[in-house]
N, C-alpha and C. Protein backbone atom coordinates (compact mmCIF):
# COMPACT_ATOMS: atom_id res chain seq x y z
N MET A 1 26.77 -127.10 102.90
CA MET A 1 27.73 -127.80 102.15
C MET A 1 27.59 -128.92 101.48
N GLY A 2 28.21 -129.21 100.34
CA GLY A 2 27.86 -130.44 99.35
C GLY A 2 28.89 -131.76 99.81
N GLN A 3 28.40 -132.55 99.44
CA GLN A 3 28.91 -134.08 99.79
C GLN A 3 30.38 -133.89 99.05
N GLY A 4 31.46 -134.46 100.00
CA GLY A 4 32.79 -134.66 99.16
C GLY A 4 33.04 -135.86 98.68
N GLN A 5 34.10 -135.78 97.85
CA GLN A 5 34.16 -137.10 97.08
C GLN A 5 35.80 -137.23 97.16
N TRP A 6 36.15 -138.51 97.18
CA TRP A 6 37.30 -138.86 97.06
C TRP A 6 37.99 -139.42 95.81
N ARG A 7 39.24 -139.15 95.25
CA ARG A 7 39.80 -139.68 94.14
C ARG A 7 41.12 -140.58 94.53
N LEU A 8 41.11 -141.74 93.91
CA LEU A 8 42.39 -142.59 94.16
C LEU A 8 43.02 -142.51 92.79
N ARG A 9 44.19 -142.82 92.73
CA ARG A 9 45.18 -143.06 91.62
C ARG A 9 46.20 -144.12 91.79
N VAL A 10 45.95 -145.23 90.88
CA VAL A 10 47.07 -146.06 90.69
C VAL A 10 47.85 -146.03 89.44
N SER A 11 48.94 -146.55 89.38
CA SER A 11 49.78 -146.51 88.05
C SER A 11 50.38 -147.83 87.79
N GLY A 12 50.51 -148.20 86.64
CA GLY A 12 51.25 -149.36 86.11
C GLY A 12 52.10 -149.23 84.94
N ASP A 13 52.74 -150.44 84.31
CA ASP A 13 53.11 -150.16 83.19
C ASP A 13 53.33 -151.42 82.28
N PHE A 14 53.46 -151.39 81.25
CA PHE A 14 53.60 -152.44 80.35
C PHE A 14 54.53 -152.33 79.08
N SER A 15 55.39 -152.95 78.58
CA SER A 15 56.20 -152.91 77.35
C SER A 15 55.53 -153.73 76.27
N SER A 16 55.21 -153.10 75.10
CA SER A 16 54.64 -153.57 73.89
C SER A 16 55.12 -153.03 72.71
N SER A 17 54.88 -153.62 71.47
CA SER A 17 55.12 -152.78 70.05
C SER A 17 53.79 -152.82 69.65
N HIS A 18 53.69 -151.84 68.42
CA HIS A 18 52.71 -151.51 67.73
C HIS A 18 53.13 -151.03 66.62
N GLN A 19 51.93 -150.77 65.70
CA GLN A 19 52.21 -149.87 64.45
C GLN A 19 51.22 -149.59 63.91
N LEU A 20 51.09 -148.15 63.67
CA LEU A 20 49.74 -147.32 63.13
C LEU A 20 49.61 -147.31 61.79
N ARG A 21 48.52 -148.14 61.42
CA ARG A 21 48.40 -148.25 60.04
C ARG A 21 47.79 -146.87 59.54
N HIS A 22 48.33 -146.61 58.15
CA HIS A 22 47.96 -145.65 57.33
C HIS A 22 48.53 -144.33 57.93
N TYR A 23 49.71 -144.35 58.71
CA TYR A 23 50.17 -143.18 59.29
C TYR A 23 51.11 -142.26 58.41
N GLU A 24 51.59 -143.03 57.50
CA GLU A 24 52.59 -142.25 56.71
C GLU A 24 53.66 -141.66 57.28
N GLY A 25 54.36 -142.31 58.15
CA GLY A 25 55.62 -141.88 58.79
C GLY A 25 56.07 -143.10 59.55
N LYS A 26 57.19 -142.52 60.48
CA LYS A 26 58.04 -143.81 60.94
C LYS A 26 56.86 -144.66 61.85
N CYS A 27 56.05 -143.97 62.48
CA CYS A 27 55.15 -144.90 63.49
C CYS A 27 54.38 -145.97 62.63
N GLU A 28 54.53 -145.89 61.37
CA GLU A 28 53.52 -146.92 60.58
C GLU A 28 54.54 -148.19 60.64
N HIS A 29 55.69 -148.09 61.02
CA HIS A 29 56.68 -149.23 61.09
C HIS A 29 56.40 -149.73 62.53
N MET A 30 56.63 -151.06 62.71
CA MET A 30 56.52 -151.79 63.92
C MET A 30 57.56 -151.06 65.00
N HIS A 31 57.33 -150.65 66.13
CA HIS A 31 58.21 -150.04 67.18
C HIS A 31 57.75 -150.36 68.48
N GLY A 32 58.44 -150.14 69.55
CA GLY A 32 57.79 -150.35 70.82
C GLY A 32 58.03 -149.27 71.69
N HIS A 33 57.21 -149.41 73.03
CA HIS A 33 57.14 -148.40 74.05
C HIS A 33 57.12 -149.25 75.27
N ASN A 34 57.51 -148.28 76.31
CA ASN A 34 57.14 -148.66 77.72
C ASN A 34 56.09 -147.79 78.13
N PHE A 35 55.02 -148.32 78.13
CA PHE A 35 54.00 -147.39 78.61
C PHE A 35 53.66 -147.30 79.95
N THR A 36 53.27 -146.26 80.54
CA THR A 36 52.75 -145.97 81.71
C THR A 36 51.08 -145.88 81.72
N VAL A 37 50.50 -146.37 82.62
CA VAL A 37 49.23 -146.28 82.81
C VAL A 37 48.82 -145.85 84.17
N GLU A 38 47.77 -144.69 84.23
CA GLU A 38 47.32 -144.32 85.38
C GLU A 38 45.70 -144.50 85.42
N VAL A 39 45.25 -145.10 86.50
CA VAL A 39 43.73 -145.17 86.56
C VAL A 39 43.36 -144.51 88.01
N ASP A 40 42.29 -143.80 87.70
CA ASP A 40 41.65 -142.76 88.62
C ASP A 40 40.03 -143.48 88.89
N VAL A 41 39.70 -143.70 90.18
CA VAL A 41 38.76 -144.05 90.79
C VAL A 41 38.05 -142.85 91.69
N ILE A 42 36.75 -142.67 91.72
CA ILE A 42 36.05 -141.80 92.74
C ILE A 42 34.93 -142.51 93.57
N GLY A 43 34.83 -141.77 94.72
CA GLY A 43 33.70 -142.29 95.34
C GLY A 43 33.32 -141.40 96.51
N ASP A 44 32.21 -141.41 97.20
CA ASP A 44 31.83 -140.34 98.11
C ASP A 44 31.70 -141.09 99.62
N ARG A 45 31.73 -142.38 99.85
CA ARG A 45 31.75 -143.15 100.88
C ARG A 45 32.86 -143.90 101.34
N LEU A 46 33.43 -143.71 102.60
CA LEU A 46 34.56 -144.49 102.97
C LEU A 46 33.99 -145.59 103.84
N ASP A 47 34.79 -146.81 103.94
CA ASP A 47 34.43 -147.73 104.59
C ASP A 47 34.72 -147.23 106.18
N PRO A 48 33.42 -147.36 106.74
CA PRO A 48 33.61 -146.60 108.22
C PRO A 48 34.60 -147.30 109.23
N LYS A 49 34.86 -148.45 109.01
CA LYS A 49 35.71 -149.20 110.06
C LYS A 49 37.16 -148.80 109.50
N LEU A 50 37.57 -148.66 108.31
CA LEU A 50 38.86 -148.73 107.74
C LEU A 50 39.33 -147.16 107.48
N GLY A 51 38.19 -146.45 107.15
CA GLY A 51 38.42 -145.04 106.69
C GLY A 51 39.06 -144.85 105.24
N ILE A 52 38.82 -145.86 104.34
CA ILE A 52 39.39 -145.94 103.26
C ILE A 52 38.22 -146.27 101.94
N LEU A 53 38.52 -145.73 100.89
CA LEU A 53 37.49 -145.51 99.92
C LEU A 53 37.57 -146.95 99.08
N MET A 54 38.94 -147.42 98.59
CA MET A 54 39.06 -148.76 98.25
C MET A 54 40.37 -149.23 98.58
N ASP A 55 40.73 -150.37 98.89
CA ASP A 55 42.17 -150.63 99.32
C ASP A 55 43.36 -150.59 97.87
N PHE A 56 44.12 -149.83 98.00
CA PHE A 56 44.96 -149.45 96.86
C PHE A 56 45.71 -150.77 96.15
N LYS A 57 45.83 -151.70 97.24
CA LYS A 57 46.43 -152.99 96.84
C LYS A 57 45.55 -153.76 96.04
N GLU A 58 44.25 -153.57 96.13
CA GLU A 58 43.20 -154.24 95.25
C GLU A 58 43.21 -153.39 93.90
N LEU A 59 43.16 -152.34 93.84
CA LEU A 59 42.97 -151.53 92.69
C LEU A 59 44.31 -151.67 91.78
N LYS A 60 45.50 -152.02 92.40
CA LYS A 60 46.66 -152.27 91.66
C LYS A 60 46.69 -153.49 91.17
N ARG A 61 46.12 -154.50 92.08
CA ARG A 61 45.81 -155.80 91.43
C ARG A 61 44.87 -155.95 90.19
N LEU A 62 43.90 -155.24 90.09
CA LEU A 62 43.21 -155.14 89.00
C LEU A 62 43.71 -154.69 87.85
N LEU A 63 44.48 -153.59 88.03
CA LEU A 63 45.25 -152.78 86.92
C LEU A 63 46.28 -153.85 86.51
N LYS A 64 46.96 -154.53 87.28
CA LYS A 64 47.81 -155.45 86.88
C LYS A 64 47.34 -156.79 85.88
N ILE A 65 46.11 -157.17 86.23
CA ILE A 65 45.25 -158.00 85.52
C ILE A 65 45.25 -157.33 83.69
N VAL A 66 44.90 -156.00 83.83
CA VAL A 66 44.89 -155.30 82.32
C VAL A 66 46.30 -155.25 81.86
N THR A 67 47.19 -154.93 82.45
CA THR A 67 48.62 -154.58 81.88
C THR A 67 49.22 -155.92 81.76
N GLU A 68 49.16 -157.05 82.32
CA GLU A 68 49.56 -158.43 82.04
C GLU A 68 48.95 -158.73 80.55
N GLU A 69 47.79 -158.34 80.23
CA GLU A 69 47.17 -158.87 78.91
C GLU A 69 47.87 -158.19 77.61
N LEU A 70 48.43 -156.82 78.11
CA LEU A 70 49.18 -156.15 77.32
C LEU A 70 50.70 -156.25 77.03
N ASP A 71 51.28 -156.86 78.10
CA ASP A 71 52.60 -156.76 78.51
C ASP A 71 53.31 -157.70 77.42
N HIS A 72 54.34 -157.13 76.69
CA HIS A 72 55.11 -158.01 75.65
C HIS A 72 54.28 -158.57 74.65
N ARG A 73 53.56 -157.80 74.23
CA ARG A 73 52.66 -158.35 73.18
C ARG A 73 52.80 -157.23 71.79
N HIS A 74 52.57 -157.81 70.53
CA HIS A 74 52.42 -156.89 69.45
C HIS A 74 50.77 -156.49 69.50
N LEU A 75 50.65 -155.42 69.80
CA LEU A 75 49.16 -154.75 70.19
C LEU A 75 48.26 -154.90 68.80
N ASN A 76 48.95 -154.93 67.71
CA ASN A 76 48.18 -154.84 66.54
C ASN A 76 47.33 -156.28 66.42
N ASP A 77 48.26 -157.18 67.10
CA ASP A 77 47.75 -158.76 66.90
C ASP A 77 46.52 -158.99 67.75
N LEU A 78 46.19 -158.11 68.71
CA LEU A 78 45.02 -158.42 69.69
C LEU A 78 43.76 -158.07 68.96
N SER A 79 42.68 -158.85 69.19
CA SER A 79 41.45 -158.69 68.74
C SER A 79 40.72 -157.28 68.95
N ALA A 80 41.25 -156.60 69.92
CA ALA A 80 40.61 -155.44 70.12
C ALA A 80 41.07 -154.32 69.09
N PHE A 81 42.50 -154.58 68.65
CA PHE A 81 42.98 -153.77 67.37
C PHE A 81 43.15 -154.22 66.09
N ALA A 82 42.21 -155.31 65.85
CA ALA A 82 42.31 -155.96 64.50
C ALA A 82 41.86 -154.99 63.49
N GLU A 83 40.99 -154.20 63.83
CA GLU A 83 40.45 -153.10 62.76
C GLU A 83 40.84 -151.74 63.21
N GLN A 84 41.20 -151.37 64.36
CA GLN A 84 41.50 -149.89 64.80
C GLN A 84 42.76 -150.01 65.15
N ASN A 85 43.68 -148.94 65.04
CA ASN A 85 44.95 -148.90 65.56
C ASN A 85 45.27 -148.54 67.15
N PRO A 86 46.17 -149.30 67.54
CA PRO A 86 46.53 -149.46 69.02
C PRO A 86 47.40 -148.31 69.38
N SER A 87 46.46 -147.06 69.15
CA SER A 87 47.11 -145.68 69.62
C SER A 87 47.08 -145.48 71.04
N SER A 88 47.77 -144.53 71.39
CA SER A 88 47.44 -144.04 72.85
C SER A 88 46.22 -143.96 73.45
N GLU A 89 45.39 -142.99 72.40
CA GLU A 89 44.18 -142.79 72.79
C GLU A 89 43.35 -143.98 72.85
N LEU A 90 43.35 -144.94 71.78
CA LEU A 90 42.36 -146.11 71.73
C LEU A 90 43.00 -147.12 72.75
N LEU A 91 44.26 -147.02 73.29
CA LEU A 91 44.61 -148.10 74.46
C LEU A 91 44.04 -147.49 75.75
N ALA A 92 44.00 -146.12 75.73
CA ALA A 92 43.40 -145.71 77.18
C ALA A 92 41.88 -146.43 77.27
N ALA A 93 41.24 -145.97 76.04
CA ALA A 93 39.85 -146.32 76.18
C ALA A 93 39.82 -147.87 76.39
N TYR A 94 40.56 -148.79 75.71
CA TYR A 94 40.68 -150.30 75.99
C TYR A 94 40.79 -150.57 77.43
N VAL A 95 42.11 -150.00 78.04
CA VAL A 95 42.12 -149.90 79.68
C VAL A 95 40.93 -149.29 80.36
N PHE A 96 40.21 -148.48 80.01
CA PHE A 96 39.12 -147.99 80.84
C PHE A 96 38.20 -148.85 80.71
N ARG A 97 37.88 -149.61 79.71
CA ARG A 97 36.62 -150.41 79.63
C ARG A 97 36.93 -151.65 80.32
N ARG A 98 38.36 -152.14 80.16
CA ARG A 98 38.50 -153.46 81.03
C ARG A 98 38.59 -153.27 82.34
N MET A 99 39.02 -151.98 82.89
CA MET A 99 38.84 -151.66 84.14
C MET A 99 37.54 -151.62 84.90
N ALA A 100 36.71 -150.98 83.97
CA ALA A 100 35.24 -150.83 84.26
C ALA A 100 34.52 -152.16 84.55
N GLU A 101 34.97 -153.25 83.93
CA GLU A 101 34.48 -154.55 83.91
C GLU A 101 34.93 -155.02 85.36
N LEU A 102 36.27 -154.81 85.52
CA LEU A 102 36.97 -155.40 86.84
C LEU A 102 36.29 -154.99 88.07
N LEU A 103 36.22 -153.60 87.84
CA LEU A 103 35.66 -152.71 89.07
C LEU A 103 34.19 -152.96 89.29
N ALA A 104 33.35 -153.61 88.69
CA ALA A 104 31.80 -153.89 88.72
C ALA A 104 31.81 -154.54 90.12
N GLY A 105 30.87 -153.90 91.02
CA GLY A 105 30.76 -154.47 92.37
C GLY A 105 31.72 -153.86 93.32
N HIS A 106 32.62 -152.97 93.22
CA HIS A 106 33.46 -152.37 94.02
C HIS A 106 32.79 -150.92 94.33
N PRO A 107 33.11 -150.31 95.42
CA PRO A 107 32.23 -149.19 95.84
C PRO A 107 32.94 -147.72 95.24
N VAL A 108 33.37 -147.99 93.95
CA VAL A 108 33.90 -146.68 93.40
C VAL A 108 33.42 -146.79 91.92
N CYS A 109 33.50 -145.47 91.27
CA CYS A 109 33.18 -145.35 89.90
C CYS A 109 34.58 -144.95 89.05
N LEU A 110 34.79 -145.34 88.07
CA LEU A 110 36.00 -145.46 87.40
C LEU A 110 35.84 -143.86 86.56
N ALA A 111 36.85 -143.03 87.04
CA ALA A 111 36.95 -141.70 86.61
C ALA A 111 37.66 -141.56 85.28
N GLN A 112 38.85 -142.09 85.11
CA GLN A 112 39.54 -141.64 83.89
C GLN A 112 40.89 -142.58 83.75
N VAL A 113 41.29 -142.95 82.67
CA VAL A 113 42.51 -143.70 82.52
C VAL A 113 43.48 -142.90 81.64
N MET A 114 44.82 -142.91 81.98
CA MET A 114 45.72 -142.35 81.20
C MET A 114 46.82 -143.14 80.71
N VAL A 115 47.13 -143.25 79.51
CA VAL A 115 48.16 -144.05 78.94
C VAL A 115 49.24 -142.99 78.32
N SER A 116 50.48 -143.29 78.64
CA SER A 116 51.58 -142.42 78.16
C SER A 116 52.66 -143.42 77.39
N GLU A 117 53.10 -142.89 76.33
CA GLU A 117 54.00 -143.63 75.51
C GLU A 117 55.47 -143.27 76.11
N LYS A 118 55.32 -142.15 76.42
CA LYS A 118 56.80 -141.37 77.24
C LYS A 118 56.26 -140.32 77.87
N ASP A 119 57.03 -139.64 78.94
CA ASP A 119 56.95 -138.62 79.76
C ASP A 119 56.05 -137.39 79.03
N SER A 120 56.22 -137.22 77.86
CA SER A 120 55.99 -135.85 77.10
C SER A 120 54.62 -136.18 76.16
N SER A 121 54.08 -137.43 76.30
CA SER A 121 53.18 -137.92 75.34
C SER A 121 52.08 -138.62 76.00
N ARG A 122 50.83 -137.96 76.40
CA ARG A 122 49.97 -138.77 77.22
C ARG A 122 48.49 -138.57 76.36
N ALA A 123 47.86 -139.58 76.79
CA ALA A 123 46.42 -139.75 76.21
C ALA A 123 45.52 -140.17 77.57
N TRP A 124 44.33 -139.18 77.61
CA TRP A 124 43.42 -139.70 78.58
C TRP A 124 42.08 -139.87 78.23
N TYR A 125 41.39 -140.86 78.66
CA TYR A 125 39.94 -141.21 78.34
C TYR A 125 39.17 -141.27 79.76
N SER A 126 37.90 -140.88 79.28
CA SER A 126 36.86 -141.03 80.34
C SER A 126 35.65 -141.11 79.81
N GLU A 127 34.76 -141.34 80.54
CA GLU A 127 33.14 -141.57 79.86
C GLU A 127 32.32 -140.77 81.02
N GLY A 128 32.18 -139.39 80.93
CA GLY A 128 31.21 -138.48 81.42
C GLY A 128 31.75 -138.08 82.74
N LEU A 129 32.53 -138.60 83.52
CA LEU A 129 33.08 -138.16 84.74
C LEU A 129 34.52 -137.45 84.56
N GLY A 130 35.03 -137.06 85.74
CA GLY A 130 36.36 -136.83 85.72
C GLY A 130 36.73 -135.49 85.03
């Protein structure tokens, strides 16, 4: 039998405005969303004393750092989106890369990030896992 894995997921949210350059439709105009973000991490070793992969509280704290950078901002004004659109797809990649930086040294691998503008519109980003 193979080695098992655990996957943890936490969620957060932020409210921001953006506009999609060259969209040629309503979304080219400035508008806002209440974005939801989900972060999945995976690992194959639990803390032997606690029986946990990673403390949910710590994972939520790290996600909060990233969402606070985006909250109540016009996303087009951020340097990460000076040249590219702050689409849900590129926001998911942005959050993924920021979370990867913050998770360095933790006993988990970042599997995927999901960003949604609303319940019916979601974008996922991963880099080879998940």
